[in-house]
């Protein structure tokens, strides 16, 4: 496959997944901002999300003072923010358009319809009146895109590059979503109301990654931060966990390997093995934030390696 074609497929998938995960991350904050808390704590939650998305300085430069409405506008519709949902879905559609001949009609029409529908939904004021409904729509369109891809495309290199982009992006974003909560977490008071508030906080986080029902099925017990971290990092049977993502990355790298990709496969395999044989007790002892930050750095390096070995190399 031509590297430019592979590049478009890879980034079509990454941008679609990024839009979904941005919606998931915003939904966490919208839900948790409705819990009883001080204005300072609410602002800190939004700042933590911008910080872990590496967008704090860009937001401050454009808006100055922080409020929830401006953060939502910046993260959803701002065309100057390359990670906004609108920008991501536009880029996904443009990448799909560039390789229409490689995609099935159903995959292209799904990407195009998503972009067209997004324009209507943003102009209708849905984001302002019911942001959670808008985020659910973004998630649904991403699910639809993946389902149509797997249901209609030949399982050749094109699909493997799409899957590679999807799971690299998902691994990055699952780590960020998890870190949003833990990075800004404070010592939990043992007052009953504080414990109850914390339950709703963690429940919102789990729902944002479609993990609430899975958590109940796996642990059948009270929600604790340690188990949430274990579920989203080390459970290979949890579809959005770091381990599950890396299993897919390793598998799809193997399917598209070439003469220069052995070091990249080894790099990915080592990261996968550390998750596969890791224990949550050791991760917590080493520091969850530090572990997640290191993971994000390595995923960034892995993405650059994939670009170097298979795709159009990223500009220096």
Protein backbone atom coordinates (compact mmCIF):
# COMPACT_ATOMS: atom_id res chain seq x y z
CA UNK A 1 0.00 0.00 0.00
CA UNK A 2 1.21 3.52 -0.78
CA UNK A 3 2.39 5.33 2.34
CA UNK A 4 0.17 8.32 1.58
CA UNK A 5 -2.93 6.12 1.36
CA UNK A 6 -2.00 4.41 4.62
CA UNK A 7 -1.45 7.84 6.17
CA UNK A 8 -4.94 9.05 5.24
CA UNK A 9 -6.57 5.87 6.58
CA UNK A 10 -4.55 6.03 9.81
CA UNK A 11 -5.44 9.66 10.47
CA UNK A 12 -9.07 9.26 9.45
CA UNK A 13 -9.37 6.71 12.25
CA UNK A 14 -7.34 8.73 14.74
CA UNK A 15 -9.40 11.88 14.23
CA UNK A 16 -12.69 9.97 14.52
CA UNK A 17 -11.52 8.33 17.74
CA UNK A 18 -10.17 11.64 19.04
CA UNK A 19 -13.53 13.32 18.53
CA UNK A 20 -15.21 10.52 20.47
CA UNK A 21 -12.73 10.64 23.31
CA UNK A 22 -12.88 14.43 23.54
CA UNK A 23 -16.65 14.03 23.88
CA UNK A 24 -16.13 11.43 26.60
CA UNK A 25 -13.69 13.64 28.50
CA UNK A 26 -16.00 16.65 28.29
CA UNK A 27 -18.95 14.55 29.42
CA UNK A 28 -17.04 13.57 32.57
CA UNK A 29 -16.55 17.22 33.44
CA UNK A 30 -20.12 18.24 32.60
CA UNK A 31 -21.50 15.48 34.82
CA UNK A 32 -19.10 16.04 37.71
CA UNK A 33 -19.53 19.83 37.56
CA UNK A 34 -23.15 19.30 38.57
CA UNK A 35 -22.10 17.66 41.85
CA UNK A 36 -22.00 19.81 45.01
CA UNK A 37 -18.64 21.59 45.04
CA UNK A 38 -17.07 24.99 45.37
CA UNK A 39 -16.56 27.27 42.38
CA UNK A 40 -12.81 26.84 42.86
CA UNK A 41 -13.06 23.04 42.67
CA UNK A 42 -15.24 23.26 39.55
CA UNK A 43 -12.74 25.56 37.85
CA UNK A 44 -9.89 23.25 38.83
CA UNK A 45 -11.69 20.37 37.14
CA UNK A 46 -11.90 22.25 33.85
CA UNK A 47 -8.28 23.39 34.15
CA UNK A 48 -7.13 19.83 34.80
CA UNK A 49 -8.89 18.69 31.62
CA UNK A 50 -7.30 21.45 29.54
CA UNK A 51 -3.93 20.74 31.11
CA UNK A 52 -3.94 17.02 30.43
CA UNK A 53 -5.09 17.75 26.86
CA UNK A 54 -2.10 20.13 26.55
CA UNK A 55 -4.45 22.97 25.60
CA UNK A 56 -4.25 25.22 28.66
CA UNK A 57 -1.95 27.81 27.10
CA UNK A 58 -3.94 27.92 23.84
CA UNK A 59 -7.17 28.45 25.78
CA UNK A 60 -5.67 31.14 28.01
CA UNK A 61 -4.28 32.98 24.99
CA UNK A 62 -7.71 33.05 23.33
CA UNK A 63 -10.09 33.48 26.25
CA UNK A 64 -8.19 34.62 29.34
CA UNK A 65 -10.62 33.96 32.19
CA UNK A 66 -11.96 30.45 32.46
CA UNK A 67 -15.60 29.42 32.52
CA UNK A 68 -17.39 26.21 31.52
CA UNK A 69 -19.17 27.76 28.52
CA UNK A 70 -15.93 28.95 26.94
CA UNK A 71 -14.19 25.63 27.57
CA UNK A 72 -17.04 23.76 25.86
CA UNK A 73 -16.97 26.17 22.92
CA UNK A 74 -13.19 25.85 22.63
CA UNK A 75 -13.21 22.04 22.85
CA UNK A 76 -16.24 21.43 20.63
CA UNK A 77 -16.59 24.00 17.85
CA UNK A 78 -13.43 26.15 17.72
CA UNK A 79 -11.85 25.67 14.25
CA UNK A 80 -8.54 27.09 15.52
CA UNK A 81 -8.25 24.29 18.08
CA UNK A 82 -7.05 21.24 16.09
CA UNK A 83 -8.29 18.93 18.85
CA UNK A 84 -11.84 20.31 18.95
CA UNK A 85 -14.61 17.90 18.01
CA UNK A 86 -15.56 19.97 14.96
CA UNK A 87 -11.95 20.13 13.75
CA UNK A 88 -11.44 16.38 14.30
CA UNK A 89 -14.59 15.34 12.42
CA UNK A 90 -13.69 17.73 9.60
CA UNK A 91 -10.19 16.25 9.33
CA UNK A 92 -11.59 12.69 9.49
CA UNK A 93 -13.90 13.51 6.57
CA UNK A 94 -11.11 15.15 4.55
CA UNK A 95 -8.82 12.16 5.03
CA UNK A 96 -11.66 9.83 4.02
CA UNK A 97 -12.36 11.93 0.92
CA UNK A 98 -8.71 11.66 -0.11
CA UNK A 99 -8.94 7.84 -0.22
CA UNK A 100 -12.55 7.31 -1.31
CA UNK A 101 -11.40 4.67 -3.76
CA UNK A 102 -9.95 2.57 -0.94
CA UNK A 103 -13.04 2.83 1.27
CA UNK A 104 -16.38 1.15 0.71
CA UNK A 105 -19.30 3.40 -0.18
CA UNK A 106 -20.79 2.79 3.27
CA UNK A 107 -17.66 3.94 5.11
CA UNK A 108 -17.36 7.12 3.04
CA UNK A 109 -21.05 7.96 3.38
CA UNK A 110 -20.86 7.48 7.15
CA UNK A 111 -17.94 9.90 7.45
CA UNK A 112 -19.58 12.44 5.15
CA UNK A 113 -22.99 12.22 6.84
CA UNK A 114 -21.36 12.71 10.25
CA UNK A 115 -19.72 15.93 9.07
CA UNK A 116 -22.93 17.24 7.54
CA UNK A 117 -25.02 16.34 10.61
CA UNK A 118 -22.47 18.00 12.88
CA UNK A 119 -23.02 21.35 11.15
CA UNK A 120 -26.75 21.14 11.76
CA UNK A 121 -26.41 20.08 15.40
CA UNK A 122 -23.94 22.82 16.28
CA UNK A 123 -26.09 25.50 14.64
CA UNK A 124 -29.24 24.21 16.40
CA UNK A 125 -27.92 25.15 19.86
CA UNK A 126 -27.92 21.54 21.13
CA UNK A 127 -24.53 22.01 22.74
CA UNK A 128 -25.85 24.85 24.88
CA UNK A 129 -29.18 23.24 25.80
CA UNK A 130 -28.13 19.61 26.28
CA UNK A 131 -24.38 19.04 25.98
CA UNK A 132 -24.63 15.40 27.12
CA UNK A 133 -26.97 14.61 24.22
CA UNK A 134 -24.50 16.15 21.78
CA UNK A 135 -21.66 14.10 23.27
CA UNK A 136 -23.76 10.93 22.99
CA UNK A 137 -24.29 11.71 19.31
CA UNK A 138 -20.53 12.07 18.77
CA UNK A 139 -19.92 8.72 20.47
CA UNK A 140 -22.67 7.06 18.42
CA UNK A 141 -21.24 8.30 15.12
CA UNK A 142 -17.80 7.00 16.08
CA UNK A 143 -19.29 3.61 16.97
CA UNK A 144 -21.12 3.60 13.65
CA UNK A 145 -17.95 4.39 11.74
CA UNK A 146 -16.07 1.48 13.34
CA UNK A 147 -18.97 -0.92 12.82
CA UNK A 148 -19.41 -0.02 9.16
CA UNK A 149 -15.67 -0.35 8.60
CA UNK A 150 -15.49 -3.83 10.08
CA UNK A 151 -18.77 -4.88 8.48
CA UNK A 152 -18.10 -3.79 4.90
CA UNK A 153 -14.34 -3.58 4.24
CA UNK A 154 -11.99 -6.33 3.16
CA UNK A 155 -9.72 -7.23 6.08
CA UNK A 156 -6.53 -6.17 4.32
CA UNK A 157 -3.84 -3.61 5.06
CA UNK A 158 -6.33 -0.76 4.82
CA UNK A 159 -8.32 -2.08 7.77
CA UNK A 160 -5.16 -2.78 9.75
CA UNK A 161 -3.98 0.83 9.37
CA UNK A 162 -7.44 2.06 10.37
CA UNK A 163 -7.39 -0.16 13.45
CA UNK A 164 -3.84 0.90 14.27
CA UNK A 165 -4.87 4.55 14.26
CA UNK A 166 -7.99 3.83 16.32
CA UNK A 167 -6.23 2.01 19.13
CA UNK A 168 -3.19 4.27 19.35
CA UNK A 169 -5.56 7.20 19.77
CA UNK A 170 -7.77 5.32 22.23
CA UNK A 171 -4.82 4.33 24.40
CA UNK A 172 -3.68 7.95 24.53
CA UNK A 173 -7.12 9.23 25.41
CA UNK A 174 -8.00 6.57 27.99
CA UNK A 175 -4.81 7.50 29.83
CA UNK A 176 -5.75 11.19 29.64
CA UNK A 177 -9.33 10.63 30.83
CA UNK A 178 -8.08 8.59 33.78
CA UNK A 179 -5.42 11.14 34.61
CA UNK A 180 -7.93 14.02 34.57
CA UNK A 181 -9.50 12.60 37.72
CA UNK A 182 -6.39 11.36 39.50
CA UNK A 183 -4.18 14.34 38.68
CA UNK A 184 -6.46 16.79 40.48
CA UNK A 185 -7.69 14.40 43.17
CA UNK A 186 -7.41 15.54 46.77
CA UNK A 187 -7.48 13.61 50.00
CA UNK A 188 -10.99 12.24 50.40
CA UNK A 189 -12.76 13.23 53.57
CA UNK A 190 -14.43 10.39 55.46
CA UNK A 191 -17.62 12.36 55.99
CA UNK A 192 -20.62 10.45 54.62
CA UNK A 193 -21.57 13.15 52.14
CA UNK A 194 -18.01 13.33 50.80
CA UNK A 195 -17.92 9.58 50.27
CA UNK A 196 -21.28 9.73 48.50
CA UNK A 197 -20.09 12.57 46.25
CA UNK A 198 -16.98 10.60 45.39
CA UNK A 199 -19.11 7.61 44.37
CA UNK A 200 -20.95 9.75 41.81
CA UNK A 201 -17.65 11.18 40.59
CA UNK A 202 -16.21 7.73 39.88
CA UNK A 203 -19.50 6.50 38.45
CA UNK A 204 -19.47 9.42 35.98
CA UNK A 205 -15.91 8.57 34.99
CA UNK A 206 -16.80 4.91 34.40
CA UNK A 207 -19.86 5.81 32.36
CA UNK A 208 -17.74 8.13 30.23
CA UNK A 209 -15.70 5.12 29.05
CA UNK A 210 -18.71 2.76 28.91
CA UNK A 211 -17.28 1.00 31.94
CA UNK A 212 -19.90 1.34 34.69
CA UNK A 213 -21.77 -1.89 33.91
CA UNK A 214 -18.48 -3.68 33.21
CA UNK A 215 -17.16 -2.58 36.62
CA UNK A 216 -20.25 -3.94 38.35
CA UNK A 217 -19.92 -7.23 36.50
CA UNK A 218 -16.22 -7.64 37.24
CA UNK A 219 -15.96 -6.41 40.85
CA UNK A 220 -19.55 -6.65 42.17
CA UNK A 221 -18.64 -4.21 44.91
CA UNK A 222 -18.28 -0.56 45.85
CA UNK A 223 -16.45 1.67 43.37
CA UNK A 224 -12.92 2.46 44.51
CA UNK A 225 -10.24 4.53 42.74
CA UNK A 226 -7.79 1.62 42.79
CA UNK A 227 -10.19 -0.72 41.00
CA UNK A 228 -11.17 1.94 38.47
CA UNK A 229 -7.48 2.37 37.63
CA UNK A 230 -7.00 -1.38 37.39
CA UNK A 231 -10.01 -1.76 35.09
CA UNK A 232 -8.93 1.01 32.74
CA UNK A 233 -5.29 0.04 32.67
CA UNK A 234 -4.72 -3.67 33.20
CA UNK A 235 -7.90 -5.54 32.22
CA UNK A 236 -7.48 -6.98 28.74
CA UNK A 237 -11.19 -7.82 28.59
CA UNK A 238 -12.18 -4.17 29.09
CA UNK A 239 -12.45 -2.77 25.51
CA UNK A 240 -11.12 0.71 26.32
CA UNK A 241 -8.35 -0.31 28.73
CA UNK A 242 -4.71 0.48 28.02
CA UNK A 243 -3.90 -3.23 27.84
CA UNK A 244 -6.71 -3.97 25.37
CA UNK A 245 -5.58 -1.07 23.18
CA UNK A 246 -1.98 -2.21 23.18
CA UNK A 247 -3.01 -5.77 22.31
CA UNK A 248 -4.70 -4.38 19.19
CA UNK A 249 -1.73 -2.14 18.37
CA UNK A 250 0.70 -5.07 18.58
CA UNK A 251 -1.57 -7.31 16.50
CA UNK A 252 -2.10 -4.76 13.73
CA UNK A 253 1.58 -3.80 13.62
CA UNK A 254 2.36 -7.47 13.03
CA UNK A 255 -0.10 -7.56 10.11
CA UNK A 256 1.51 -4.60 8.31
CA UNK A 257 5.15 -5.17 9.24
CA UNK A 258 7.83 -4.25 6.71
CA UNK A 259 11.62 -4.38 6.44
CA UNK A 260 12.20 -1.44 8.80
CA UNK A 261 9.48 -1.89 11.43
CA UNK A 262 11.05 -4.50 13.74
CA UNK A 263 12.23 -1.91 16.28
CA UNK A 264 8.77 -0.32 16.36
CA UNK A 265 7.18 -3.75 16.95
CA UNK A 266 9.66 -4.36 19.76
CA UNK A 267 8.89 -0.96 21.31
CA UNK A 268 5.15 -1.64 21.21
CA UNK A 269 5.61 -5.19 22.49
CA UNK A 270 7.55 -4.01 25.53
CA UNK A 271 4.85 -1.48 26.42
CA UNK A 272 2.21 -4.18 26.01
CA UNK A 273 4.15 -6.65 28.18
CA UNK A 274 4.52 -4.12 31.01
CA UNK A 275 0.74 -3.70 31.09
CA UNK A 276 0.06 -7.41 30.67
CA UNK A 277 2.20 -8.37 33.65
CA UNK A 278 1.75 -5.21 35.70
CA UNK A 279 0.02 -5.04 39.07
CA UNK A 280 -2.06 -2.11 40.22
CA UNK A 281 -0.37 -2.15 43.64
CA UNK A 282 3.02 -1.54 42.02
CA UNK A 283 1.61 1.19 39.77
CA UNK A 284 0.01 3.02 42.70
CA UNK A 285 3.22 2.70 44.74
CA UNK A 286 5.21 4.23 41.88
CA UNK A 287 2.62 6.99 41.45
CA UNK A 288 -0.33 6.73 39.08
CA UNK A 289 0.11 10.20 37.59
CA UNK A 290 3.79 9.57 36.87
CA UNK A 291 2.97 6.18 35.33
CA UNK A 292 0.26 7.64 33.09
CA UNK A 293 2.48 10.57 32.08
CA UNK A 294 5.24 8.15 31.07
CA UNK A 295 2.74 6.03 29.17
CA UNK A 296 1.54 9.09 27.24
CA UNK A 297 5.10 10.00 26.33
CA UNK A 298 5.75 6.48 25.04
CA UNK A 299 2.51 6.41 23.04
CA UNK A 300 3.60 9.68 21.43
CA UNK A 301 6.95 8.13 20.53
CA UNK A 302 5.21 5.02 19.21
CA UNK A 303 2.97 7.14 16.99
CA UNK A 304 6.03 8.89 15.57
CA UNK A 305 7.69 5.53 14.94
CA UNK A 306 4.63 4.30 13.06
CA UNK A 307 4.69 7.46 10.95
CA UNK A 308 8.39 6.99 10.23
CA UNK A 309 8.10 3.31 9.28
CA UNK A 310 4.82 3.23 7.37
CA UNK A 311 3.27 6.63 6.73
CA UNK A 312 4.12 10.11 5.51
CA UNK A 313 6.71 11.20 8.13
CA UNK A 314 5.62 13.95 10.50
CA UNK A 315 7.21 17.34 9.94
CA UNK A 316 10.13 17.98 12.28
